[in-house]
Every structure is written in structure tokens, then in C-alpha cells.
Amino acid sequence: QVQLVESGGGLVQAGGSLRLSCAASGRTFAAYYMGWFRQAPGKEREFVATISWGAGNKYYTDSVEGRFTISKDIAANTLYLQMNSLKPEDTAVYYCAADLNYSGTDSSGYTYWGQGTQVTVSS
């Protein structure tokens, strides 16, 4: 099993940057596929980015491609999401997720979830 705790959210002006962190417990962190999702008020949870267990493969939703970077520090058991050029439409609660076998864009495929961290981008 793995437990996930997100941090790094906050209020930022449009065009600014934030780096989200997701600290994972457990000795087998390196074996997990991990992803970031977000959920805005009144909307369904949506995929943001995913990274393979070896951190070699990364995939982003079109709306964040070129602005967000997902990375994984295996030694620190931490997943990151560097968010640059933030836009008001990026406002949401951001969640990290992990699974041993699934690395896709469907949130239902991930077994483990953090509690979420709020990101608010003002115009």
C-alpha cells in the first residue's frame, strides 16, 4: 500500500507558478505509476499528467502541455507538478494518484489518492 499527501497549493496571479508535491509512504514507491488530476467546482475530476514507474514516460492533457511538468524523485518518495504560466482556468483542487498497474487518464483506474491541495489562480 501507499499513502499520499499533497502540498504546495495556494493563491497565485495569472502567469505565475506553483510547484505541487505529493509525498508517498511505502518502500515500493518506485514501482508505482503516478498521476495528477484536478477537480474544479461543479466539474468532474479530470486528468492532468501521468508518469511511468521509472519516470521515463510522461503524458499531459493538452491544456497543460508545455506549461506543466510532472517529475518523480524516487529517493525522496515524492511526486511533483511544476506549474508555470498559470491561468484562471487552472483553478481546482489538485490530487495525486498512484497505482501499480494503471497509468492512463481515467481516474477510476488509480487505487490510491491523496486528500488534495487547492490551487487558485486569480485574473
N, C-alpha and C. Protein backbone atom coordinates (compact mmCIF):
# COMPACT_ATOMS: atom_id res chain seq x y z
N GLN A 1 0.83 -1.19 0.00
CA GLN A 1 0.00 0.00 0.00
C GLN A 1 0.87 1.25 0.00
N VAL A 2 0.27 2.36 -0.37
CA VAL A 2 0.96 3.63 -0.35
C VAL A 2 0.00 4.71 0.11
N GLN A 3 0.49 5.62 0.92
CA GLN A 3 -0.29 6.77 1.35
C GLN A 3 0.29 8.02 0.72
N LEU A 4 -0.58 8.91 0.28
CA LEU A 4 -0.17 10.09 -0.48
C LEU A 4 -0.64 11.36 0.22
N VAL A 5 0.25 12.34 0.32
CA VAL A 5 -0.08 13.62 0.95
C VAL A 5 0.41 14.74 0.05
N GLU A 6 -0.53 15.53 -0.47
CA GLU A 6 -0.18 16.65 -1.35
C GLU A 6 0.09 17.91 -0.54
N SER A 7 0.90 18.79 -1.12
CA SER A 7 1.15 20.11 -0.55
C SER A 7 1.58 21.04 -1.67
N GLY A 8 1.64 22.34 -1.36
CA GLY A 8 2.16 23.29 -2.32
C GLY A 8 1.12 24.14 -3.01
N GLY A 9 -0.15 23.87 -2.75
CA GLY A 9 -1.19 24.68 -3.36
C GLY A 9 -1.23 26.07 -2.76
N GLY A 10 -2.03 26.94 -3.37
CA GLY A 10 -2.15 28.29 -2.86
C GLY A 10 -2.81 29.21 -3.85
N LEU A 11 -2.72 30.50 -3.56
CA LEU A 11 -3.30 31.53 -4.42
C LEU A 11 -2.18 32.21 -5.20
N VAL A 12 -2.35 32.31 -6.50
CA VAL A 12 -1.32 32.91 -7.35
C VAL A 12 -2.01 33.71 -8.45
N GLN A 13 -1.35 34.74 -8.93
CA GLN A 13 -1.90 35.52 -10.02
C GLN A 13 -1.67 34.82 -11.35
N ALA A 14 -2.51 35.12 -12.31
CA ALA A 14 -2.35 34.55 -13.64
C ALA A 14 -0.94 34.85 -14.17
N GLY A 15 -0.34 33.85 -14.77
CA GLY A 15 1.02 33.96 -15.26
C GLY A 15 2.07 33.50 -14.27
N GLY A 16 1.65 33.28 -13.04
CA GLY A 16 2.58 32.84 -12.00
C GLY A 16 2.83 31.35 -12.02
N SER A 17 3.58 30.90 -11.02
CA SER A 17 3.98 29.49 -10.94
C SER A 17 3.74 28.93 -9.54
N LEU A 18 3.53 27.64 -9.50
CA LEU A 18 3.45 26.90 -8.25
C LEU A 18 4.06 25.53 -8.49
N ARG A 19 4.61 24.94 -7.43
CA ARG A 19 5.07 23.56 -7.52
C ARG A 19 4.33 22.74 -6.47
N LEU A 20 3.60 21.77 -6.93
CA LEU A 20 2.90 20.86 -6.03
C LEU A 20 3.80 19.67 -5.72
N SER A 21 3.69 19.18 -4.50
CA SER A 21 4.42 17.98 -4.08
C SER A 21 3.42 16.94 -3.59
N CYS A 22 3.80 15.71 -3.75
CA CYS A 22 2.99 14.59 -3.27
C CYS A 22 3.95 13.62 -2.59
N ALA A 23 3.94 13.62 -1.27
CA ALA A 23 4.81 12.74 -0.51
C ALA A 23 4.15 11.38 -0.35
N ALA A 24 4.90 10.34 -0.67
CA ALA A 24 4.36 8.99 -0.63
C ALA A 24 5.05 8.17 0.45
N SER A 25 4.27 7.39 1.16
CA SER A 25 4.83 6.46 2.12
C SER A 25 5.02 5.11 1.44
N GLY A 26 5.75 4.22 2.07
CA GLY A 26 5.90 2.90 1.49
C GLY A 26 7.24 2.72 0.81
N ARG A 27 7.73 1.51 0.80
CA ARG A 27 9.06 1.22 0.27
C ARG A 27 9.08 1.00 -1.22
N THR A 28 7.92 0.80 -1.82
CA THR A 28 7.87 0.45 -3.23
C THR A 28 7.40 1.61 -4.09
N PHE A 29 7.69 2.81 -3.68
CA PHE A 29 7.25 4.00 -4.41
C PHE A 29 7.69 3.93 -5.86
N ALA A 30 8.89 3.46 -6.09
CA ALA A 30 9.43 3.43 -7.45
C ALA A 30 8.61 2.54 -8.38
N ALA A 31 7.86 1.62 -7.83
CA ALA A 31 7.12 0.66 -8.66
C ALA A 31 5.78 1.20 -9.14
N TYR A 32 5.36 2.33 -8.62
CA TYR A 32 4.02 2.83 -8.91
C TYR A 32 4.00 3.77 -10.11
N TYR A 33 2.95 3.61 -10.93
CA TYR A 33 2.61 4.64 -11.89
C TYR A 33 1.89 5.73 -11.11
N MET A 34 2.17 6.98 -11.43
CA MET A 34 1.57 8.06 -10.66
C MET A 34 1.02 9.14 -11.60
N GLY A 35 0.03 9.84 -11.07
CA GLY A 35 -0.59 10.88 -11.90
C GLY A 35 -1.12 12.02 -11.06
N TRP A 36 -1.39 13.11 -11.75
CA TRP A 36 -2.04 14.27 -11.15
C TRP A 36 -3.40 14.45 -11.83
N PHE A 37 -4.41 14.71 -11.02
CA PHE A 37 -5.74 15.03 -11.50
C PHE A 37 -6.19 16.32 -10.83
N ARG A 38 -7.24 16.91 -11.35
CA ARG A 38 -7.77 18.12 -10.72
C ARG A 38 -9.29 18.15 -10.86
N GLN A 39 -9.91 18.85 -9.92
CA GLN A 39 -11.35 18.95 -9.92
C GLN A 39 -11.76 20.37 -9.57
N ALA A 40 -12.40 21.03 -10.51
CA ALA A 40 -12.91 22.38 -10.29
C ALA A 40 -14.32 22.28 -9.75
N PRO A 41 -14.80 23.32 -9.08
CA PRO A 41 -16.16 23.30 -8.52
C PRO A 41 -17.20 23.01 -9.59
N GLY A 42 -18.07 22.05 -9.30
CA GLY A 42 -19.14 21.72 -10.23
C GLY A 42 -18.73 20.91 -11.43
N LYS A 43 -17.47 20.50 -11.47
CA LYS A 43 -16.98 19.73 -12.61
C LYS A 43 -16.46 18.38 -12.16
N GLU A 44 -16.34 17.47 -13.13
CA GLU A 44 -15.79 16.15 -12.83
C GLU A 44 -14.27 16.24 -12.68
N ARG A 45 -13.74 15.27 -11.98
CA ARG A 45 -12.29 15.19 -11.83
C ARG A 45 -11.68 14.89 -13.20
N GLU A 46 -10.62 15.62 -13.55
CA GLU A 46 -10.02 15.45 -14.86
C GLU A 46 -8.54 15.16 -14.76
N PHE A 47 -8.05 14.45 -15.76
CA PHE A 47 -6.65 14.08 -15.84
C PHE A 47 -5.79 15.30 -16.14
N VAL A 48 -4.62 15.36 -15.51
CA VAL A 48 -3.66 16.42 -15.79
C VAL A 48 -2.37 15.86 -16.38
N ALA A 49 -1.75 14.91 -15.68
CA ALA A 49 -0.47 14.37 -16.14
C ALA A 49 -0.23 13.02 -15.48
N THR A 50 0.59 12.20 -16.14
CA THR A 50 0.96 10.92 -15.58
C THR A 50 2.42 10.64 -15.86
N ILE A 51 3.04 9.80 -15.02
CA ILE A 51 4.44 9.46 -15.17
C ILE A 51 4.61 7.98 -14.89
N SER A 52 5.46 7.33 -15.67
CA SER A 52 5.65 5.90 -15.50
C SER A 52 6.45 5.60 -14.24
N TRP A 53 6.49 4.34 -13.86
CA TRP A 53 7.16 3.97 -12.63
C TRP A 53 8.64 4.32 -12.68
N GLY A 54 9.26 4.21 -13.84
CA GLY A 54 10.67 4.53 -13.96
C GLY A 54 10.92 5.97 -14.33
N ALA A 55 9.83 6.76 -14.40
CA ALA A 55 9.90 8.19 -14.72
C ALA A 55 10.35 8.45 -16.14
N GLY A 56 10.37 7.43 -16.98
CA GLY A 56 10.83 7.65 -18.34
C GLY A 56 9.74 8.16 -19.27
N ASN A 57 8.50 7.85 -18.96
CA ASN A 57 7.39 8.25 -19.82
C ASN A 57 6.47 9.21 -19.10
N LYS A 58 6.18 10.33 -19.75
CA LYS A 58 5.30 11.34 -19.18
C LYS A 58 4.23 11.69 -20.21
N TYR A 59 3.05 11.99 -19.72
CA TYR A 59 1.95 12.31 -20.62
C TYR A 59 1.11 13.40 -19.97
N TYR A 60 0.69 14.36 -20.80
CA TYR A 60 -0.05 15.51 -20.29
C TYR A 60 -1.34 15.70 -21.07
N THR A 61 -2.32 16.25 -20.39
CA THR A 61 -3.50 16.66 -21.11
C THR A 61 -3.15 17.90 -21.95
N ASP A 62 -3.85 18.09 -23.04
CA ASP A 62 -3.48 19.14 -23.98
C ASP A 62 -3.45 20.53 -23.34
N SER A 63 -4.35 20.78 -22.42
CA SER A 63 -4.49 22.14 -21.87
C SER A 63 -3.30 22.55 -21.00
N VAL A 64 -2.49 21.61 -20.56
CA VAL A 64 -1.34 21.95 -19.71
C VAL A 64 -0.01 21.65 -20.39
N GLU A 65 -0.03 21.02 -21.55
CA GLU A 65 1.20 20.67 -22.26
C GLU A 65 2.02 21.92 -22.50
N GLY A 66 3.31 21.84 -22.14
CA GLY A 66 4.20 22.99 -22.32
C GLY A 66 4.21 23.95 -21.15
N ARG A 67 3.25 23.84 -20.25
CA ARG A 67 3.20 24.72 -19.07
C ARG A 67 3.48 23.95 -17.78
N PHE A 68 3.05 22.72 -17.70
CA PHE A 68 3.22 21.89 -16.51
C PHE A 68 4.27 20.81 -16.77
N THR A 69 4.98 20.45 -15.70
CA THR A 69 5.96 19.37 -15.79
C THR A 69 5.79 18.44 -14.61
N ILE A 70 5.58 17.17 -14.90
CA ILE A 70 5.49 16.15 -13.85
C ILE A 70 6.85 15.50 -13.68
N SER A 71 7.22 15.25 -12.43
CA SER A 71 8.50 14.59 -12.17
C SER A 71 8.39 13.77 -10.91
N LYS A 72 9.38 12.92 -10.72
CA LYS A 72 9.32 11.96 -9.63
C LYS A 72 10.71 11.80 -9.04
N ASP A 73 10.86 12.05 -7.75
CA ASP A 73 12.12 11.84 -7.05
C ASP A 73 11.98 10.55 -6.26
N ILE A 74 12.53 9.49 -6.81
CA ILE A 74 12.35 8.18 -6.18
C ILE A 74 13.02 8.13 -4.82
N ALA A 75 14.19 8.72 -4.69
CA ALA A 75 14.92 8.69 -3.42
C ALA A 75 14.15 9.42 -2.33
N ALA A 76 13.42 10.45 -2.72
CA ALA A 76 12.66 11.25 -1.76
C ALA A 76 11.22 10.78 -1.64
N ASN A 77 10.85 9.76 -2.40
CA ASN A 77 9.46 9.27 -2.39
C ASN A 77 8.47 10.39 -2.65
N THR A 78 8.78 11.24 -3.60
CA THR A 78 7.93 12.41 -3.84
C THR A 78 7.65 12.61 -5.32
N LEU A 79 6.41 12.92 -5.59
CA LEU A 79 5.96 13.28 -6.94
C LEU A 79 5.77 14.79 -6.97
N TYR A 80 6.13 15.40 -8.10
CA TYR A 80 6.00 16.85 -8.23
C TYR A 80 5.16 17.22 -9.45
N LEU A 81 4.59 18.41 -9.38
CA LEU A 81 3.96 19.01 -10.56
C LEU A 81 4.35 20.48 -10.57
N GLN A 82 5.27 20.82 -11.46
CA GLN A 82 5.67 22.21 -11.63
C GLN A 82 4.69 22.86 -12.60
N MET A 83 4.04 23.92 -12.14
CA MET A 83 3.02 24.58 -12.94
C MET A 83 3.46 26.01 -13.23
N ASN A 84 3.67 26.30 -14.48
CA ASN A 84 4.07 27.63 -14.92
C ASN A 84 2.99 28.26 -15.79
N SER A 85 3.07 29.56 -15.97
CA SER A 85 2.11 30.29 -16.81
C SER A 85 0.67 29.93 -16.45
N LEU A 86 0.41 29.97 -15.17
CA LEU A 86 -0.91 29.55 -14.70
C LEU A 86 -2.01 30.46 -15.20
N LYS A 87 -3.17 29.86 -15.44
CA LYS A 87 -4.34 30.56 -15.94
C LYS A 87 -5.50 30.40 -14.95
N PRO A 88 -6.44 31.32 -14.96
CA PRO A 88 -7.60 31.17 -14.05
C PRO A 88 -8.31 29.84 -14.22
N GLU A 89 -8.32 29.30 -15.43
CA GLU A 89 -9.00 28.02 -15.65
C GLU A 89 -8.24 26.82 -15.05
N ASP A 90 -7.04 27.07 -14.53
CA ASP A 90 -6.32 26.02 -13.82
C ASP A 90 -6.77 25.90 -12.37
N THR A 91 -7.64 26.80 -11.93
CA THR A 91 -8.12 26.77 -10.56
C THR A 91 -8.89 25.48 -10.29
N ALA A 92 -8.47 24.76 -9.25
CA ALA A 92 -9.07 23.47 -8.93
C ALA A 92 -8.39 22.91 -7.68
N VAL A 93 -8.97 21.84 -7.17
CA VAL A 93 -8.28 21.02 -6.18
C VAL A 93 -7.47 19.98 -6.96
N TYR A 94 -6.20 19.91 -6.66
CA TYR A 94 -5.30 19.00 -7.36
C TYR A 94 -5.02 17.78 -6.48
N TYR A 95 -5.13 16.61 -7.10
CA TYR A 95 -4.94 15.35 -6.41
C TYR A 95 -3.82 14.55 -7.07
N CYS A 96 -3.02 13.88 -6.25
CA CYS A 96 -2.11 12.90 -6.83
C CYS A 96 -2.70 11.51 -6.63
N ALA A 97 -2.33 10.62 -7.53
CA ALA A 97 -2.87 9.27 -7.54
C ALA A 97 -1.77 8.28 -7.89
N ALA A 98 -1.94 7.05 -7.44
CA ALA A 98 -0.92 6.03 -7.69
C ALA A 98 -1.58 4.68 -7.94
N ASP A 99 -0.92 3.89 -8.76
CA ASP A 99 -1.39 2.53 -8.99
C ASP A 99 -0.23 1.68 -9.48
N LEU A 100 -0.25 0.41 -9.13
CA LEU A 100 0.84 -0.49 -9.53
C LEU A 100 0.75 -0.88 -11.00
N ASN A 101 -0.46 -0.86 -11.55
CA ASN A 101 -0.63 -1.42 -12.89
C ASN A 101 -1.20 -0.44 -13.92
N TYR A 102 -1.82 0.64 -13.47
CA TYR A 102 -2.52 1.53 -14.40
C TYR A 102 -1.81 2.86 -14.51
N SER A 103 -1.69 3.36 -15.73
CA SER A 103 -1.02 4.64 -15.93
C SER A 103 -1.79 5.53 -16.90
N GLY A 104 -3.08 5.29 -17.03
CA GLY A 104 -3.86 6.02 -18.01
C GLY A 104 -4.48 7.30 -17.50
N THR A 105 -5.45 7.79 -18.24
CA THR A 105 -6.08 9.08 -17.95
C THR A 105 -7.40 8.96 -17.22
N ASP A 106 -7.87 7.76 -16.97
CA ASP A 106 -9.13 7.55 -16.28
C ASP A 106 -8.89 7.48 -14.78
N SER A 107 -9.52 8.38 -14.04
CA SER A 107 -9.28 8.42 -12.59
C SER A 107 -9.68 7.13 -11.90
N SER A 108 -10.64 6.41 -12.46
CA SER A 108 -11.11 5.19 -11.81
C SER A 108 -10.07 4.08 -11.87
N GLY A 109 -9.05 4.25 -12.66
CA GLY A 109 -8.01 3.24 -12.77
C GLY A 109 -6.97 3.29 -11.66
N TYR A 110 -6.97 4.36 -10.89
CA TYR A 110 -5.97 4.53 -9.84
C TYR A 110 -6.54 4.09 -8.49
N THR A 111 -5.71 3.39 -7.73
CA THR A 111 -6.15 2.82 -6.46
C THR A 111 -5.96 3.79 -5.30
N TYR A 112 -4.86 4.50 -5.28
CA TYR A 112 -4.50 5.32 -4.12
C TYR A 112 -4.58 6.81 -4.47
N TRP A 113 -5.12 7.58 -3.52
CA TRP A 113 -5.34 9.01 -3.73
C TRP A 113 -4.93 9.81 -2.51
N GLY A 114 -4.43 11.01 -2.76
CA GLY A 114 -4.20 11.94 -1.69
C GLY A 114 -5.47 12.72 -1.37
N GLN A 115 -5.35 13.63 -0.41
CA GLN A 115 -6.52 14.38 0.04
C GLN A 115 -6.77 15.63 -0.80
N GLY A 116 -5.80 16.01 -1.60
CA GLY A 116 -5.96 17.16 -2.49
C GLY A 116 -5.38 18.44 -1.91
N THR A 117 -4.99 19.33 -2.80
CA THR A 117 -4.49 20.64 -2.41
C THR A 117 -5.11 21.69 -3.35
N GLN A 118 -5.57 22.80 -2.78
CA GLN A 118 -6.29 23.81 -3.55
C GLN A 118 -5.32 24.72 -4.29
N VAL A 119 -5.57 24.92 -5.56
CA VAL A 119 -4.84 25.89 -6.38
C VAL A 119 -5.85 26.90 -6.90
N THR A 120 -5.59 28.16 -6.60
CA THR A 120 -6.47 29.23 -7.06
C THR A 120 -5.66 30.24 -7.85
N VAL A 121 -6.07 30.49 -9.08
CA VAL A 121 -5.36 31.43 -9.95
C VAL A 121 -6.28 32.63 -10.20
N SER A 122 -5.83 33.79 -9.79
CA SER A 122 -6.64 35.00 -9.96
C SER A 122 -6.28 35.71 -11.26
N SER A 123 -7.26 36.35 -11.85
CA SER A 123 -7.02 37.04 -13.12
C SER A 123 -6.57 38.47 -12.91
